[in-house]
Amino acid sequence: MKFIFLLHCLCTVLMTGVIWLVQVVHYPLFTQVGEIAFESYHPMHIQYISYLVMPLMLIELFTALYFAYQPPSFLYVPVYWYFGLLLLGIIWGATFLIQVPQHQLLSNGFNADVCHQLVMGNWIRTIAWTVRTILMAYFIYCLLD
């Protein structure tokens, strides 16, 4: 059970690092690619980033649901775990309700306004994953205590 928990924490921490990189480096650079190059660049971004984030996001989700269904004894305050699940719901909701539609718009070609909306909307996921990482750090601290 501790291995599954540590795997969950690892995925959360890795996704937090990825989302910060995307937020402050990758998405802002969309506007610097140029309209002509953007047409080939954006589909490659979607393809390559998916190889990285989808396994991490799915493992994070399924391990979180597992612990929601069968909470381990070392989760001292289950309410925090459910708060973490709520944040995960916000992340997945923002991904499929905000980010995916904006990427679909960008698949039609470069649009500076949509790029700006992509960056702004991604703050939801960036903040939620950051809070989740803090929460996971708390749980690990409790494990070590």
N, C-alpha and C. Protein backbone atom coordinates (compact mmCIF):
# COMPACT_ATOMS: atom_id res chain seq x y z
N MET A 1 0.83 -1.19 0.00
CA MET A 1 0.00 0.00 0.00
C MET A 1 0.88 1.26 0.00
N LYS A 2 1.99 1.21 0.73
CA LYS A 2 2.88 2.38 0.76
C LYS A 2 3.52 2.61 -0.61
N PHE A 3 3.80 1.52 -1.33
CA PHE A 3 4.37 1.67 -2.67
C PHE A 3 3.39 2.40 -3.59
N ILE A 4 2.12 2.02 -3.53
CA ILE A 4 1.10 2.68 -4.37
C ILE A 4 0.99 4.15 -3.98
N PHE A 5 1.05 4.41 -2.69
CA PHE A 5 0.99 5.79 -2.22
C PHE A 5 2.19 6.60 -2.72
N LEU A 6 3.38 6.03 -2.62
CA LEU A 6 4.57 6.74 -3.09
C LEU A 6 4.53 6.93 -4.61
N LEU A 7 4.01 5.96 -5.34
CA LEU A 7 3.83 6.11 -6.78
C LEU A 7 2.88 7.26 -7.08
N HIS A 8 1.81 7.34 -6.30
CA HIS A 8 0.86 8.44 -6.44
C HIS A 8 1.55 9.79 -6.20
N CYS A 9 2.30 9.87 -5.12
CA CYS A 9 3.00 11.11 -4.80
C CYS A 9 4.00 11.47 -5.89
N LEU A 10 4.72 10.48 -6.38
CA LEU A 10 5.70 10.73 -7.44
C LEU A 10 5.03 11.29 -8.68
N CYS A 11 3.91 10.72 -9.08
CA CYS A 11 3.19 11.24 -10.25
C CYS A 11 2.72 12.67 -10.02
N THR A 12 2.23 12.96 -8.83
CA THR A 12 1.78 14.31 -8.52
C THR A 12 2.94 15.30 -8.61
N VAL A 13 4.07 14.94 -8.01
CA VAL A 13 5.23 15.84 -8.01
C VAL A 13 5.77 16.02 -9.44
N LEU A 14 5.86 14.94 -10.20
CA LEU A 14 6.32 15.05 -11.59
C LEU A 14 5.39 15.93 -12.41
N MET A 15 4.08 15.75 -12.24
CA MET A 15 3.13 16.57 -12.99
C MET A 15 3.20 18.04 -12.57
N THR A 16 3.50 18.28 -11.32
CA THR A 16 3.66 19.66 -10.87
C THR A 16 4.85 20.30 -11.57
N GLY A 17 5.94 19.58 -11.67
CA GLY A 17 7.11 20.10 -12.39
C GLY A 17 6.81 20.32 -13.86
N VAL A 18 6.14 19.36 -14.48
CA VAL A 18 5.80 19.48 -15.90
C VAL A 18 4.88 20.68 -16.13
N ILE A 19 3.88 20.83 -15.27
CA ILE A 19 2.89 21.90 -15.50
C ILE A 19 3.53 23.28 -15.32
N TRP A 20 4.47 23.39 -14.37
CA TRP A 20 5.17 24.67 -14.21
C TRP A 20 6.04 24.98 -15.42
N LEU A 21 6.70 23.96 -15.96
CA LEU A 21 7.51 24.15 -17.16
C LEU A 21 6.63 24.58 -18.34
N VAL A 22 5.51 23.91 -18.49
CA VAL A 22 4.58 24.27 -19.56
C VAL A 22 4.06 25.68 -19.35
N GLN A 23 3.72 26.00 -18.10
CA GLN A 23 3.10 27.30 -17.80
C GLN A 23 4.03 28.48 -18.04
N VAL A 24 5.27 28.38 -17.59
CA VAL A 24 6.16 29.56 -17.64
C VAL A 24 7.13 29.55 -18.81
N VAL A 25 7.26 28.39 -19.48
CA VAL A 25 8.20 28.33 -20.60
C VAL A 25 7.49 27.96 -21.90
N HIS A 26 6.87 26.79 -21.89
CA HIS A 26 6.39 26.21 -23.14
C HIS A 26 5.22 26.98 -23.76
N TYR A 27 4.14 27.16 -23.01
CA TYR A 27 2.98 27.87 -23.56
C TYR A 27 3.32 29.30 -23.98
N PRO A 28 4.06 30.07 -23.17
CA PRO A 28 4.40 31.42 -23.62
C PRO A 28 5.21 31.44 -24.91
N LEU A 29 5.99 30.39 -25.16
CA LEU A 29 6.77 30.35 -26.39
C LEU A 29 5.93 30.06 -27.63
N PHE A 30 4.69 29.63 -27.46
CA PHE A 30 3.81 29.41 -28.61
C PHE A 30 3.74 30.65 -29.49
N THR A 31 3.73 31.81 -28.86
CA THR A 31 3.60 33.05 -29.64
C THR A 31 4.89 33.42 -30.36
N GLN A 32 5.99 32.75 -30.04
CA GLN A 32 7.28 33.07 -30.66
C GLN A 32 7.63 32.13 -31.82
N VAL A 33 6.84 31.10 -32.03
CA VAL A 33 7.15 30.11 -33.06
C VAL A 33 6.96 30.67 -34.46
N GLY A 34 5.99 31.54 -34.62
CA GLY A 34 5.67 32.08 -35.94
C GLY A 34 4.49 31.33 -36.53
N GLU A 35 3.69 32.03 -37.29
CA GLU A 35 2.44 31.45 -37.80
C GLU A 35 2.68 30.25 -38.71
N ILE A 36 3.66 30.31 -39.57
CA ILE A 36 3.88 29.22 -40.52
C ILE A 36 4.41 27.98 -39.80
N ALA A 37 5.40 28.14 -38.94
CA ALA A 37 5.97 27.00 -38.21
C ALA A 37 4.99 26.44 -37.19
N PHE A 38 4.08 27.27 -36.71
CA PHE A 38 3.13 26.84 -35.68
C PHE A 38 2.27 25.68 -36.17
N GLU A 39 1.95 25.67 -37.45
CA GLU A 39 1.09 24.61 -38.00
C GLU A 39 1.68 23.23 -37.83
N SER A 40 3.00 23.09 -37.88
CA SER A 40 3.62 21.78 -37.65
C SER A 40 4.06 21.63 -36.19
N TYR A 41 4.38 22.75 -35.55
CA TYR A 41 4.87 22.71 -34.17
C TYR A 41 3.78 22.27 -33.19
N HIS A 42 2.60 22.83 -33.32
CA HIS A 42 1.53 22.56 -32.36
C HIS A 42 1.11 21.09 -32.34
N PRO A 43 0.90 20.43 -33.48
CA PRO A 43 0.56 19.01 -33.41
C PRO A 43 1.67 18.16 -32.78
N MET A 44 2.92 18.53 -33.02
CA MET A 44 4.02 17.80 -32.39
C MET A 44 4.00 18.01 -30.87
N HIS A 45 3.70 19.24 -30.45
CA HIS A 45 3.58 19.51 -29.01
C HIS A 45 2.52 18.59 -28.40
N ILE A 46 1.35 18.54 -29.01
CA ILE A 46 0.25 17.72 -28.49
C ILE A 46 0.68 16.25 -28.41
N GLN A 47 1.29 15.76 -29.45
CA GLN A 47 1.71 14.36 -29.49
C GLN A 47 2.76 14.05 -28.42
N TYR A 48 3.82 14.84 -28.37
CA TYR A 48 4.92 14.55 -27.46
C TYR A 48 4.57 14.78 -26.00
N ILE A 49 3.82 15.83 -25.72
CA ILE A 49 3.47 16.10 -24.33
C ILE A 49 2.51 15.04 -23.82
N SER A 50 1.67 14.51 -24.71
CA SER A 50 0.72 13.46 -24.31
C SER A 50 1.45 12.19 -23.89
N TYR A 51 2.54 11.86 -24.56
CA TYR A 51 3.32 10.68 -24.17
C TYR A 51 3.84 10.80 -22.74
N LEU A 52 4.12 12.01 -22.32
CA LEU A 52 4.63 12.24 -20.97
C LEU A 52 3.51 12.35 -19.94
N VAL A 53 2.51 13.20 -20.21
CA VAL A 53 1.54 13.53 -19.17
C VAL A 53 0.42 12.52 -19.01
N MET A 54 0.00 11.87 -20.08
CA MET A 54 -1.14 10.96 -19.94
C MET A 54 -0.85 9.79 -19.00
N PRO A 55 0.28 9.10 -19.12
CA PRO A 55 0.52 8.02 -18.14
C PRO A 55 0.59 8.54 -16.70
N LEU A 56 1.26 9.68 -16.51
CA LEU A 56 1.37 10.24 -15.16
C LEU A 56 0.00 10.63 -14.61
N MET A 57 -0.80 11.29 -15.43
CA MET A 57 -2.13 11.73 -14.99
C MET A 57 -3.02 10.53 -14.69
N LEU A 58 -2.96 9.50 -15.52
CA LEU A 58 -3.80 8.32 -15.30
C LEU A 58 -3.39 7.56 -14.05
N ILE A 59 -2.09 7.39 -13.85
CA ILE A 59 -1.64 6.72 -12.62
C ILE A 59 -2.04 7.53 -11.40
N GLU A 60 -1.86 8.84 -11.47
CA GLU A 60 -2.25 9.70 -10.35
C GLU A 60 -3.74 9.56 -10.06
N LEU A 61 -4.55 9.58 -11.10
CA LEU A 61 -6.00 9.48 -10.93
C LEU A 61 -6.41 8.13 -10.34
N PHE A 62 -5.93 7.04 -10.93
CA PHE A 62 -6.35 5.72 -10.47
C PHE A 62 -5.85 5.39 -9.06
N THR A 63 -4.66 5.83 -8.73
CA THR A 63 -4.18 5.59 -7.37
C THR A 63 -4.95 6.45 -6.37
N ALA A 64 -5.32 7.65 -6.76
CA ALA A 64 -6.13 8.51 -5.87
C ALA A 64 -7.50 7.89 -5.64
N LEU A 65 -8.10 7.38 -6.69
CA LEU A 65 -9.42 6.74 -6.55
C LEU A 65 -9.32 5.46 -5.70
N TYR A 66 -8.24 4.74 -5.88
CA TYR A 66 -8.02 3.54 -5.07
C TYR A 66 -8.01 3.89 -3.58
N PHE A 67 -7.27 4.94 -3.23
CA PHE A 67 -7.17 5.33 -1.82
C PHE A 67 -8.45 5.99 -1.32
N ALA A 68 -9.22 6.57 -2.21
CA ALA A 68 -10.52 7.11 -1.79
C ALA A 68 -11.47 5.97 -1.44
N TYR A 69 -11.36 4.89 -2.19
CA TYR A 69 -12.19 3.72 -1.94
C TYR A 69 -11.69 2.91 -0.74
N GLN A 70 -10.39 2.83 -0.60
CA GLN A 70 -9.78 2.04 0.47
C GLN A 70 -8.67 2.86 1.15
N PRO A 71 -9.05 3.83 1.99
CA PRO A 71 -8.03 4.69 2.60
C PRO A 71 -7.11 3.92 3.53
N PRO A 72 -5.82 4.12 3.39
CA PRO A 72 -4.88 3.44 4.28
C PRO A 72 -4.86 4.09 5.66
N SER A 73 -4.39 3.34 6.61
CA SER A 73 -4.37 3.83 8.00
C SER A 73 -3.41 4.99 8.18
N PHE A 74 -2.40 5.11 7.30
CA PHE A 74 -1.42 6.18 7.48
C PHE A 74 -1.89 7.53 6.95
N LEU A 75 -3.07 7.58 6.34
CA LEU A 75 -3.64 8.88 5.97
C LEU A 75 -4.40 9.38 7.19
N TYR A 76 -3.71 10.14 8.00
CA TYR A 76 -4.23 10.53 9.31
C TYR A 76 -5.50 11.37 9.23
N VAL A 77 -5.59 12.18 8.24
CA VAL A 77 -6.75 13.06 8.13
C VAL A 77 -7.38 12.85 6.75
N PRO A 78 -8.32 11.91 6.64
CA PRO A 78 -8.91 11.61 5.33
C PRO A 78 -9.53 12.82 4.62
N VAL A 79 -9.95 13.82 5.39
CA VAL A 79 -10.55 14.99 4.74
C VAL A 79 -9.54 15.65 3.80
N TYR A 80 -8.27 15.62 4.16
CA TYR A 80 -7.24 16.18 3.29
C TYR A 80 -7.13 15.38 2.00
N TRP A 81 -7.29 14.06 2.13
CA TRP A 81 -7.24 13.22 0.94
C TRP A 81 -8.39 13.58 0.00
N TYR A 82 -9.58 13.79 0.55
CA TYR A 82 -10.73 14.15 -0.28
C TYR A 82 -10.56 15.54 -0.88
N PHE A 83 -9.89 16.43 -0.17
CA PHE A 83 -9.56 17.74 -0.73
C PHE A 83 -8.62 17.56 -1.92
N GLY A 84 -7.66 16.67 -1.79
CA GLY A 84 -6.75 16.36 -2.89
C GLY A 84 -7.50 15.79 -4.08
N LEU A 85 -8.51 14.96 -3.82
CA LEU A 85 -9.34 14.42 -4.89
C LEU A 85 -10.13 15.52 -5.59
N LEU A 86 -10.63 16.45 -4.81
CA LEU A 86 -11.34 17.59 -5.39
C LEU A 86 -10.41 18.37 -6.32
N LEU A 87 -9.18 18.59 -5.88
CA LEU A 87 -8.20 19.27 -6.73
C LEU A 87 -7.92 18.48 -8.00
N LEU A 88 -7.87 17.18 -7.88
CA LEU A 88 -7.66 16.34 -9.05
C LEU A 88 -8.84 16.46 -10.02
N GLY A 89 -10.03 16.53 -9.48
CA GLY A 89 -11.22 16.75 -10.32
C GLY A 89 -11.16 18.09 -11.03
N ILE A 90 -10.68 19.11 -10.33
CA ILE A 90 -10.52 20.43 -10.95
C ILE A 90 -9.49 20.36 -12.08
N ILE A 91 -8.40 19.64 -11.84
CA ILE A 91 -7.35 19.50 -12.86
C ILE A 91 -7.91 18.82 -14.10
N TRP A 92 -8.58 17.70 -13.91
CA TRP A 92 -9.13 16.97 -15.05
C TRP A 92 -10.23 17.78 -15.74
N GLY A 93 -11.04 18.46 -14.95
CA GLY A 93 -12.08 19.31 -15.55
C GLY A 93 -11.48 20.43 -16.37
N ALA A 94 -10.48 21.11 -15.82
CA ALA A 94 -9.83 22.20 -16.55
C ALA A 94 -9.13 21.68 -17.81
N THR A 95 -8.57 20.48 -17.71
CA THR A 95 -7.90 19.90 -18.86
C THR A 95 -8.88 19.71 -20.02
N PHE A 96 -10.01 19.06 -19.73
CA PHE A 96 -10.92 18.70 -20.81
C PHE A 96 -11.96 19.76 -21.14
N LEU A 97 -12.19 20.70 -20.23
CA LEU A 97 -13.17 21.76 -20.51
C LEU A 97 -12.53 23.06 -20.97
N ILE A 98 -11.25 23.27 -20.65
CA ILE A 98 -10.58 24.52 -21.01
C ILE A 98 -9.42 24.27 -21.97
N GLN A 99 -8.44 23.48 -21.52
CA GLN A 99 -7.21 23.32 -22.30
C GLN A 99 -7.44 22.58 -23.62
N VAL A 100 -8.15 21.46 -23.59
CA VAL A 100 -8.36 20.69 -24.82
C VAL A 100 -9.10 21.51 -25.87
N PRO A 101 -10.20 22.19 -25.53
CA PRO A 101 -10.86 23.01 -26.56
C PRO A 101 -9.96 24.12 -27.13
N GLN A 102 -9.12 24.70 -26.29
CA GLN A 102 -8.22 25.73 -26.78
C GLN A 102 -7.16 25.13 -27.72
N HIS A 103 -6.67 23.95 -27.39
CA HIS A 103 -5.73 23.28 -28.29
C HIS A 103 -6.42 22.91 -29.60
N GLN A 104 -7.68 22.54 -29.53
CA GLN A 104 -8.41 22.23 -30.76
C GLN A 104 -8.53 23.48 -31.64
N LEU A 105 -8.78 24.63 -31.02
CA LEU A 105 -8.81 25.87 -31.79
C LEU A 105 -7.45 26.16 -32.42
N LEU A 106 -6.39 25.91 -31.67
CA LEU A 106 -5.04 26.16 -32.19
C LEU A 106 -4.64 25.17 -33.28
N SER A 107 -5.32 24.02 -33.33
CA SER A 107 -5.01 23.07 -34.40
C SER A 107 -5.47 23.59 -35.75
N ASN A 108 -6.34 24.61 -35.74
CA ASN A 108 -6.77 25.26 -36.98
C ASN A 108 -5.77 26.32 -37.45
N GLY A 109 -4.81 26.64 -36.61
CA GLY A 109 -3.80 27.64 -36.95
C GLY A 109 -3.53 28.55 -35.78
N PHE A 110 -2.46 29.31 -35.90
CA PHE A 110 -2.03 30.21 -34.82
C PHE A 110 -3.08 31.28 -34.54
N ASN A 111 -3.29 31.53 -33.25
CA ASN A 111 -4.20 32.59 -32.81
C ASN A 111 -3.65 33.12 -31.49
N ALA A 112 -3.16 34.34 -31.50
CA ALA A 112 -2.52 34.92 -30.32
C ALA A 112 -3.48 35.00 -29.14
N ASP A 113 -4.74 35.32 -29.39
CA ASP A 113 -5.71 35.40 -28.30
C ASP A 113 -5.92 34.04 -27.63
N VAL A 114 -6.02 33.00 -28.45
CA VAL A 114 -6.21 31.66 -27.90
C VAL A 114 -4.96 31.23 -27.14
N CYS A 115 -3.79 31.58 -27.64
CA CYS A 115 -2.55 31.28 -26.90
C CYS A 115 -2.56 31.95 -25.54
N HIS A 116 -3.00 33.19 -25.49
CA HIS A 116 -3.09 33.91 -24.22
C HIS A 116 -4.10 33.23 -23.29
N GLN A 117 -5.25 32.83 -23.84
CA GLN A 117 -6.26 32.13 -23.04
C GLN A 117 -5.74 30.79 -22.53
N LEU A 118 -4.92 30.13 -23.35
CA LEU A 118 -4.33 28.86 -22.96
C LEU A 118 -3.44 29.05 -21.73
N VAL A 119 -2.62 30.08 -21.76
CA VAL A 119 -1.73 30.38 -20.63
C VAL A 119 -2.56 30.72 -19.39
N MET A 120 -3.55 31.58 -19.56
CA MET A 120 -4.34 32.02 -18.40
C MET A 120 -5.15 30.86 -17.82
N GLY A 121 -5.77 30.06 -18.68
CA GLY A 121 -6.55 28.92 -18.20
C GLY A 121 -5.70 27.86 -17.53
N ASN A 122 -4.47 27.75 -17.95
CA ASN A 122 -3.57 26.73 -17.39
C ASN A 122 -3.16 27.05 -15.95
N TRP A 123 -3.36 28.30 -15.52
CA TRP A 123 -3.05 28.62 -14.13
C TRP A 123 -3.90 27.78 -13.17
N ILE A 124 -5.10 27.42 -13.58
CA ILE A 124 -5.96 26.59 -12.73
C ILE A 124 -5.26 25.28 -12.42
N ARG A 125 -4.74 24.62 -13.45
CA ARG A 125 -4.05 23.35 -13.25
C ARG A 125 -2.73 23.54 -12.50
N THR A 126 -2.02 24.61 -12.83
CA THR A 126 -0.73 24.87 -12.19
C THR A 126 -0.91 25.04 -10.68
N ILE A 127 -1.88 25.83 -10.29
CA ILE A 127 -2.12 26.06 -8.87
C ILE A 127 -2.63 24.79 -8.19
N ALA A 128 -3.56 24.09 -8.84
CA ALA A 128 -4.12 22.88 -8.24
C ALA A 128 -3.04 21.82 -8.05
N TRP A 129 -2.17 21.61 -9.03
CA TRP A 129 -1.11 20.61 -8.86
C TRP A 129 -0.09 21.05 -7.81
N THR A 130 0.15 22.35 -7.72
CA THR A 130 1.08 22.84 -6.69
C THR A 130 0.51 22.57 -5.30
N VAL A 131 -0.76 22.84 -5.10
CA VAL A 131 -1.40 22.58 -3.81
C VAL A 131 -1.39 21.08 -3.53
N ARG A 132 -1.63 20.27 -4.55
CA ARG A 132 -1.59 18.82 -4.37
C ARG A 132 -0.20 18.36 -3.94
N THR A 133 0.83 18.95 -4.50
CA THR A 133 2.20 18.58 -4.11
C THR A 133 2.45 18.93 -2.66
N ILE A 134 1.98 20.07 -2.23
CA ILE A 134 2.12 20.46 -0.81
C ILE A 134 1.38 19.46 0.07
N LEU A 135 0.21 19.05 -0.36
CA LEU A 135 -0.57 18.06 0.37
C LEU A 135 0.16 16.72 0.44
N MET A 136 0.74 16.30 -0.67
CA MET A 136 1.49 15.04 -0.69
C MET A 136 2.72 15.13 0.22
N ALA A 137 3.36 16.29 0.24
CA ALA A 137 4.50 16.48 1.13
C ALA A 137 4.06 16.33 2.59
N TYR A 138 2.89 16.84 2.91
CA TYR A 138 2.34 16.70 4.25
C TYR A 138 2.12 15.23 4.59
N PHE A 139 1.54 14.48 3.65
CA PHE A 139 1.29 13.06 3.90
C PHE A 139 2.60 12.30 4.08
N ILE A 140 3.60 12.62 3.28
CA ILE A 140 4.89 11.94 3.42
C ILE A 140 5.52 12.30 4.76
N TYR A 141 5.40 13.56 5.16
CA TYR A 141 5.90 13.97 6.47
C TYR A 141 5.22 13.16 7.58
N CYS A 142 3.92 12.96 7.47
CA CYS A 142 3.19 12.17 8.47
C CYS A 142 3.66 10.72 8.47
N LEU A 143 3.99 10.20 7.29
CA LEU A 143 4.51 8.83 7.20
C LEU A 143 5.84 8.69 7.91
N LEU A 144 6.65 9.73 7.83
CA LEU A 144 8.00 9.67 8.41
C LEU A 144 7.99 9.95 9.91
N ASP A 145 6.93 10.52 10.38
CA ASP A 145 6.83 10.89 11.80
C ASP A 145 6.66 9.69 12.69
